[in-house]
Amino acid sequence: LFSTGAADTCQVTVTQPRFQEADYSTHTVFLTCAFSASGCSSSSPNILWFRFLANEHEDLCTPGCTDHQKYKVHLLSENNISLQINDLTADDNAVYICGIAFSNSGSPRSKQTGDGTVLTKTAEKQNSNGKLIFMIIASSLLFLYSTTVFTFFVVYKKISSGRKIFQAIAQELQKQRYAEHCRQPDDLEDDTVYQNR
């Protein structure tokens, strides 16, 4: 025969923050969980952590952690616990659920979970300001270079066309002088012939 003692009235309530965001540079994060227990034994409860990824459920600490390097459970105070996640990556983005279980109780309310904390690690930000400044400097230098090259070609063409013009003028003057020089004796000869007549 079973003893008809006091009814098992163990009742647990678990609360978790709904969201937690970790910066892209964060390597370790702590997810908190608080619980209250009434009518339960004075023995310590089992602390459980699970996570739900996009397509699967994963037991993390039930109560022992599956990966001691990655996950650690800390008892912050009598009714506050945390899950430490190390080497945090974007692959750790998931819903983390904290569970409290008084295993020596038969009450259906002695084993409860929180609503879960959505952990999001932000993607690494591209240093847009640095890239923008770099692009501005690079395009400015490219503009200066192309302007310099263009100016050089324009000046060079002007100089070379100026030289050509100068050479043409010099050649023309030289031809005229040569022509004058060649004509002078003929003119003199004509004069002398005229005078002799």
C-alpha atoms as a PDB file:
ATOM      1  CA  LEU A   1       0.000   0.000   0.000  1.00  0.00           C
ATOM      2  CA  PHE A   2       1.146   3.507  -0.800  1.00  0.00           C
ATOM      3  CA  SER A   3       1.209   6.132   1.859  1.00  0.00           C
ATOM      4  CA  THR A   4      -1.259   8.921   1.355  1.00  0.00           C
ATOM      5  CA  GLY A   5       0.875  11.853   2.412  1.00  0.00           C
ATOM      6  CA  ALA A   6       0.574  15.468   1.403  1.00  0.00           C
ATOM      7  CA  ALA A   7      -0.120  16.022  -2.261  1.00  0.00           C
ATOM      8  CA  ASP A   8       2.895  16.947  -4.413  1.00  0.00           C
ATOM      9  CA  THR A   9       2.393  20.647  -5.122  1.00  0.00           C
ATOM     10  CA  CYS A  10       5.805  21.468  -6.610  1.00  0.00           C
ATOM     11  CA  GLN A  11       5.343  24.265  -9.091  1.00  0.00           C
ATOM     12  CA  VAL A  12       8.125  25.878 -11.161  1.00  0.00           C
ATOM     13  CA  THR A  13       8.056  29.066 -13.224  1.00  0.00           C
ATOM     14  CA  VAL A  14      10.896  29.869 -15.624  1.00  0.00           C
ATOM     15  CA  THR A  15      11.521  33.257 -17.226  1.00  0.00           C
ATOM     16  CA  GLN A  16      14.030  34.215 -19.904  1.00  0.00           C
ATOM     17  CA  PRO A  17      14.714  37.402 -21.842  1.00  0.00           C
ATOM     18  CA  ARG A  18      13.059  37.161 -25.253  1.00  0.00           C
ATOM     19  CA  PHE A  19      16.015  38.456 -27.277  1.00  0.00           C
ATOM     20  CA  GLN A  20      19.740  38.828 -26.909  1.00  0.00           C
ATOM     21  CA  GLU A  21      21.955  40.331 -29.577  1.00  0.00           C
ATOM     22  CA  ALA A  22      25.704  39.866 -29.648  1.00  0.00           C
ATOM     23  CA  ASP A  23      27.994  42.171 -31.555  1.00  0.00           C
ATOM     24  CA  TYR A  24      30.019  40.599 -34.371  1.00  0.00           C
ATOM     25  CA  SER A  25      33.219  41.061 -32.342  1.00  0.00           C
ATOM     26  CA  THR A  26      31.801  39.158 -29.310  1.00  0.00           C
ATOM     27  CA  HIS A  27      33.387  35.750 -28.673  1.00  0.00           C
ATOM     28  CA  THR A  28      31.583  34.785 -25.451  1.00  0.00           C
ATOM     29  CA  VAL A  29      27.985  35.407 -24.457  1.00  0.00           C
ATOM     30  CA  PHE A  30      25.936  34.663 -21.321  1.00  0.00           C
ATOM     31  CA  LEU A  31      22.245  33.791 -21.637  1.00  0.00           C
ATOM     32  CA  THR A  32      20.350  34.274 -18.380  1.00  0.00           C
ATOM     33  CA  CYS A  33      17.455  32.352 -16.931  1.00  0.00           C
ATOM     34  CA  ALA A  34      15.508  32.925 -13.713  1.00  0.00           C
ATOM     35  CA  PHE A  35      13.128  30.528 -12.009  1.00  0.00           C
ATOM     36  CA  SER A  36      10.910  30.356  -8.968  1.00  0.00           C
ATOM     37  CA  ALA A  37       9.831  27.171  -7.238  1.00  0.00           C
ATOM     38  CA  SER A  38       7.069  26.734  -4.699  1.00  0.00           C
ATOM     39  CA  GLY A  39       6.124  23.565  -2.834  1.00  0.00           C
ATOM     40  CA  CYS A  40       9.222  21.792  -4.159  1.00  0.00           C
ATOM     41  CA  SER A  41      11.860  19.893  -2.231  1.00  0.00           C
ATOM     42  CA  SER A  42      14.919  21.719  -0.977  1.00  0.00           C
ATOM     43  CA  SER A  43      17.179  19.659  -3.239  1.00  0.00           C
ATOM     44  CA  SER A  44      18.767  21.441  -6.208  1.00  0.00           C
ATOM     45  CA  PRO A  45      16.895  21.097  -9.472  1.00  0.00           C
ATOM     46  CA  ASN A  46      18.370  19.860 -12.715  1.00  0.00           C
ATOM     47  CA  ILE A  47      19.269  22.764 -14.999  1.00  0.00           C
ATOM     48  CA  LEU A  48      18.719  22.009 -18.665  1.00  0.00           C
ATOM     49  CA  TRP A  49      19.553  23.950 -21.814  1.00  0.00           C
ATOM     50  CA  PHE A  50      18.341  23.190 -25.340  1.00  0.00           C
ATOM     51  CA  ARG A  51      18.438  25.090 -28.563  1.00  0.00           C
ATOM     52  CA  PHE A  52      16.294  25.125 -31.658  1.00  0.00           C
ATOM     53  CA  LEU A  53      18.039  25.835 -34.932  1.00  0.00           C
ATOM     54  CA  ALA A  54      16.206  26.384 -38.203  1.00  0.00           C
ATOM     55  CA  ASN A  55      15.547  22.678 -38.804  1.00  0.00           C
ATOM     56  CA  GLU A  56      16.657  20.814 -35.701  1.00  0.00           C
ATOM     57  CA  HIS A  57      16.581  20.606 -31.923  1.00  0.00           C
ATOM     58  CA  GLU A  58      19.821  20.162 -30.010  1.00  0.00           C
ATOM     59  CA  ASP A  59      20.417  19.163 -26.378  1.00  0.00           C
ATOM     60  CA  LEU A  60      23.207  21.343 -24.982  1.00  0.00           C
ATOM     61  CA  CYS A  61      23.239  20.636 -21.256  1.00  0.00           C
ATOM     62  CA  THR A  62      20.859  17.949 -19.942  1.00  0.00           C
ATOM     63  CA  PRO A  63      22.139  18.455 -17.219  1.00  0.00           C
ATOM     64  CA  GLY A  64      25.746  17.734 -18.235  1.00  0.00           C
ATOM     65  CA  CYS A  65      26.896  19.793 -21.230  1.00  0.00           C
ATOM     66  CA  THR A  66      27.635  17.925 -24.445  1.00  0.00           C
ATOM     67  CA  ASP A  67      30.594  20.191 -25.295  1.00  0.00           C
ATOM     68  CA  HIS A  68      32.417  21.455 -22.196  1.00  0.00           C
ATOM     69  CA  GLN A  69      34.634  23.785 -24.232  1.00  0.00           C
ATOM     70  CA  LYS A  70      31.683  25.465 -25.914  1.00  0.00           C
ATOM     71  CA  TYR A  71      29.009  25.504 -23.157  1.00  0.00           C
ATOM     72  CA  LYS A  72      29.120  26.070 -19.406  1.00  0.00           C
ATOM     73  CA  VAL A  73      26.253  26.484 -16.926  1.00  0.00           C
ATOM     74  CA  HIS A  74      26.706  28.962 -14.061  1.00  0.00           C
ATOM     75  CA  LEU A  75      24.569  29.305 -10.926  1.00  0.00           C
ATOM     76  CA  LEU A  76      24.493  33.080 -10.439  1.00  0.00           C
ATOM     77  CA  SER A  77      22.295  33.021  -7.338  1.00  0.00           C
ATOM     78  CA  GLU A  78      19.803  30.635  -5.786  1.00  0.00           C
ATOM     79  CA  ASN A  79      17.251  31.149  -8.556  1.00  0.00           C
ATOM     80  CA  ASN A  80      19.333  32.663 -11.384  1.00  0.00           C
ATOM     81  CA  ILE A  81      21.445  30.720 -13.832  1.00  0.00           C
ATOM     82  CA  SER A  82      23.246  31.411 -17.080  1.00  0.00           C
ATOM     83  CA  LEU A  83      24.530  29.522 -20.058  1.00  0.00           C
ATOM     84  CA  GLN A  84      27.976  30.601 -21.219  1.00  0.00           C
ATOM     85  CA  ILE A  85      28.591  30.096 -24.942  1.00  0.00           C
ATOM     86  CA  ASN A  86      32.223  30.323 -26.067  1.00  0.00           C
ATOM     87  CA  ASP A  87      33.677  30.792 -29.552  1.00  0.00           C
ATOM     88  CA  LEU A  88      30.461  32.456 -30.673  1.00  0.00           C
ATOM     89  CA  THR A  89      29.764  32.458 -34.410  1.00  0.00           C
ATOM     90  CA  ALA A  90      26.761  33.252 -36.595  1.00  0.00           C
ATOM     91  CA  ASP A  91      26.087  29.483 -36.606  1.00  0.00           C
ATOM     92  CA  ASP A  92      25.070  29.847 -32.937  1.00  0.00           C
ATOM     93  CA  ASN A  93      22.074  31.993 -33.895  1.00  0.00           C
ATOM     94  CA  ALA A  94      19.151  30.012 -32.474  1.00  0.00           C
ATOM     95  CA  VAL A  95      16.415  29.947 -29.832  1.00  0.00           C
ATOM     96  CA  TYR A  96      17.916  28.863 -26.487  1.00  0.00           C
ATOM     97  CA  ILE A  97      15.543  27.323 -23.973  1.00  0.00           C
ATOM     98  CA  CYS A  98      16.233  26.990 -20.283  1.00  0.00           C
ATOM     99  CA  GLY A  99      14.580  24.156 -18.384  1.00  0.00           C
ATOM    100  CA  ILE A 100      14.264  23.485 -14.645  1.00  0.00           C
ATOM    101  CA  ALA A 101      13.338  20.012 -13.393  1.00  0.00           C
ATOM    102  CA  PHE A 102      12.837  18.795  -9.839  1.00  0.00           C
ATOM    103  CA  SER A 103      13.339  15.138 -10.714  1.00  0.00           C
ATOM    104  CA  ASN A 104      12.179  13.840  -7.289  1.00  0.00           C
ATOM    105  CA  SER A 105       8.746  15.398  -7.777  1.00  0.00           C
ATOM    106  CA  GLY A 106       5.858  13.783  -9.586  1.00  0.00           C
ATOM    107  CA  SER A 107       3.989  17.047 -10.091  1.00  0.00           C
ATOM    108  CA  PRO A 108       3.494  17.935 -13.769  1.00  0.00           C
ATOM    109  CA  ARG A 109       4.456  21.547 -12.920  1.00  0.00           C
ATOM    110  CA  SER A 110       7.800  20.521 -11.396  1.00  0.00           C
ATOM    111  CA  LYS A 111       9.477  20.396 -14.795  1.00  0.00           C
ATOM    112  CA  GLN A 112       9.138  23.622 -16.778  1.00  0.00           C
ATOM    113  CA  THR A 113      10.911  25.508 -19.530  1.00  0.00           C
ATOM    114  CA  GLY A 114      11.130  29.187 -20.357  1.00  0.00           C
ATOM    115  CA  ASP A 115       9.810  30.696 -23.579  1.00  0.00           C
ATOM    116  CA  GLY A 116      13.318  30.819 -24.990  1.00  0.00           C
ATOM    117  CA  THR A 117      15.856  33.518 -25.796  1.00  0.00           C
ATOM    118  CA  VAL A 118      16.501  34.326 -29.438  1.00  0.00           C
ATOM    119  CA  LEU A 119      20.263  34.783 -29.753  1.00  0.00           C
ATOM    120  CA  THR A 120      21.489  36.733 -32.730  1.00  0.00           C
ATOM    121  CA  LYS A 121      25.114  37.422 -33.506  1.00  0.00           C
ATOM    122  CA  THR A 122      25.298  40.269 -35.972  1.00  0.00           C
ATOM    123  CA  ALA A 123      27.289  39.702 -39.136  1.00  0.00           C
ATOM    124  CA  GLU A 124      30.637  41.392 -39.374  1.00  0.00           C
ATOM    125  CA  LYS A 125      30.125  44.932 -40.510  1.00  0.00           C
ATOM    126  CA  GLN A 126      32.014  45.967 -43.555  1.00  0.00           C
ATOM    127  CA  ASN A 127      34.002  49.024 -42.714  1.00  0.00           C
ATOM    128  CA  SER A 128      31.936  51.132 -45.090  1.00  0.00           C
ATOM    129  CA  ASN A 129      33.434  54.455 -43.951  1.00  0.00           C
ATOM    130  CA  GLY A 130      36.970  53.168 -44.435  1.00  0.00           C
ATOM    131  CA  LYS A 131      36.103  51.699 -47.820  1.00  0.00           C
ATOM    132  CA  LEU A 132      34.336  54.889 -48.853  1.00  0.00           C
ATOM    133  CA  ILE A 133      37.336  57.024 -47.882  1.00  0.00           C
ATOM    134  CA  PHE A 134      39.659  54.620 -49.706  1.00  0.00           C
ATOM    135  CA  MET A 135      37.471  54.765 -52.817  1.00  0.00           C
ATOM    136  CA  ILE A 136      37.374  58.577 -52.704  1.00  0.00           C
ATOM    137  CA  ILE A 137      41.161  58.807 -52.334  1.00  0.00           C
ATOM    138  CA  ALA A 138      41.770  56.211 -55.053  1.00  0.00           C
ATOM    139  CA  SER A 139      39.373  57.880 -57.493  1.00  0.00           C
ATOM    140  CA  SER A 140      40.870  61.311 -56.706  1.00  0.00           C
ATOM    141  CA  LEU A 141      44.380  60.019 -57.371  1.00  0.00           C
ATOM    142  CA  LEU A 142      43.198  58.342 -60.566  1.00  0.00           C
ATOM    143  CA  PHE A 143      41.537  61.593 -61.642  1.00  0.00           C
ATOM    144  CA  LEU A 144      44.703  63.588 -60.905  1.00  0.00           C
ATOM    145  CA  TYR A 145      46.820  61.059 -62.789  1.00  0.00           C
ATOM    146  CA  SER A 146      44.564  61.035 -65.847  1.00  0.00           C
ATOM    147  CA  THR A 147      44.313  64.858 -65.787  1.00  0.00           C
ATOM    148  CA  THR A 148      48.101  65.137 -65.607  1.00  0.00           C
ATOM    149  CA  VAL A 149      48.590  62.677 -68.457  1.00  0.00           C
ATOM    150  CA  PHE A 150      45.937  64.434 -70.556  1.00  0.00           C
ATOM    151  CA  THR A 151      47.491  67.856 -69.846  1.00  0.00           C
ATOM    152  CA  PHE A 152      50.936  66.507 -70.715  1.00  0.00           C
ATOM    153  CA  PHE A 153      49.673  65.200 -74.056  1.00  0.00           C
ATOM    154  CA  VAL A 154      47.862  68.459 -74.847  1.00  0.00           C
ATOM    155  CA  VAL A 155      50.928  70.560 -73.975  1.00  0.00           C
ATOM    156  CA  TYR A 156      53.197  68.156 -75.851  1.00  0.00           C
ATOM    157  CA  LYS A 157      50.945  68.329 -78.917  1.00  0.00           C
ATOM    158  CA  LYS A 158      50.871  72.121 -78.704  1.00  0.00           C
ATOM    159  CA  ILE A 159      54.624  72.252 -78.313  1.00  0.00           C
ATOM    160  CA  SER A 160      55.185  69.782 -81.141  1.00  0.00           C
ATOM    161  CA  SER A 161      52.643  71.580 -83.368  1.00  0.00           C
ATOM    162  CA  GLY A 162      54.253  74.888 -82.379  1.00  0.00           C
ATOM    163  CA  ARG A 163      57.616  73.443 -83.333  1.00  0.00           C
ATOM    164  CA  LYS A 164      56.206  72.280 -86.631  1.00  0.00           C
ATOM    165  CA  ILE A 165      54.760  75.741 -87.291  1.00  0.00           C
ATOM    166  CA  PHE A 166      58.028  77.358 -86.265  1.00  0.00           C
ATOM    167  CA  GLN A 167      59.948  74.940 -88.504  1.00  0.00           C
ATOM    168  CA  ALA A 168      57.583  75.654 -91.400  1.00  0.00           C
ATOM    169  CA  ILE A 169      57.989  79.403 -90.875  1.00  0.00           C
ATOM    170  CA  ALA A 170      61.761  79.024 -90.575  1.00  0.00           C
ATOM    171  CA  GLN A 171      61.852  76.935 -93.734  1.00  0.00           C
ATOM    172  CA  GLU A 172      59.698  79.476 -95.562  1.00  0.00           C
ATOM    173  CA  LEU A 173      61.953  82.329 -94.438  1.00  0.00           C
ATOM    174  CA  GLN A 174      64.968  80.361 -95.465  1.00  0.00           C
ATOM    175  CA  LYS A 175      63.446  79.683 -98.887  1.00  0.00           C
ATOM    176  CA  GLN A 176      62.643  83.381 -99.283  1.00  0.00           C
ATOM    177  CA  ARG A 177      66.153  84.405 -98.294  1.00  0.00           C
ATOM    178  CA  TYR A 178      67.601  81.820-100.617  1.00  0.00           C
ATOM    179  CA  ALA A 179      65.341  82.994-103.384  1.00  0.00           C
ATOM    180  CA  GLU A 180      66.312  86.626-102.702  1.00  0.00           C
ATOM    181  CA  HIS A 181      69.959  85.661-102.563  1.00  0.00           C
ATOM    182  CA  CYS A 182      69.670  83.823-105.854  1.00  0.00           C
ATOM    183  CA  ARG A 183      67.783  86.726-107.447  1.00  0.00           C
ATOM    184  CA  GLN A 184      70.192  89.437-106.361  1.00  0.00           C
ATOM    185  CA  PRO A 185      72.929  88.630-108.889  1.00  0.00           C
ATOM    186  CA  ASP A 186      70.368  88.506-111.707  1.00  0.00           C
ATOM    187  CA  ASP A 187      69.027  91.880-110.675  1.00  0.00           C
ATOM    188  CA  LEU A 188      72.529  93.323-110.506  1.00  0.00           C
ATOM    189  CA  GLU A 189      73.333  91.854-113.900  1.00  0.00           C
ATOM    190  CA  ASP A 190      70.180  93.320-115.379  1.00  0.00           C
ATOM    191  CA  ASP A 191      71.060  96.727-113.898  1.00  0.00           C
ATOM    192  CA  THR A 192      74.554  96.633-115.309  1.00  0.00           C
ATOM    193  CA  VAL A 193      73.289  95.567-118.683  1.00  0.00           C
ATOM    194  CA  TYR A 194      70.811  98.438-118.629  1.00  0.00           C
ATOM    195  CA  GLN A 195      73.448 100.906-117.606  1.00  0.00           C
ATOM    196  CA  ASN A 196      75.815  99.784-120.324  1.00  0.00           C
ATOM    197  CA  ARG A 197      73.230 100.300-122.919  1.00  0.00           C
END
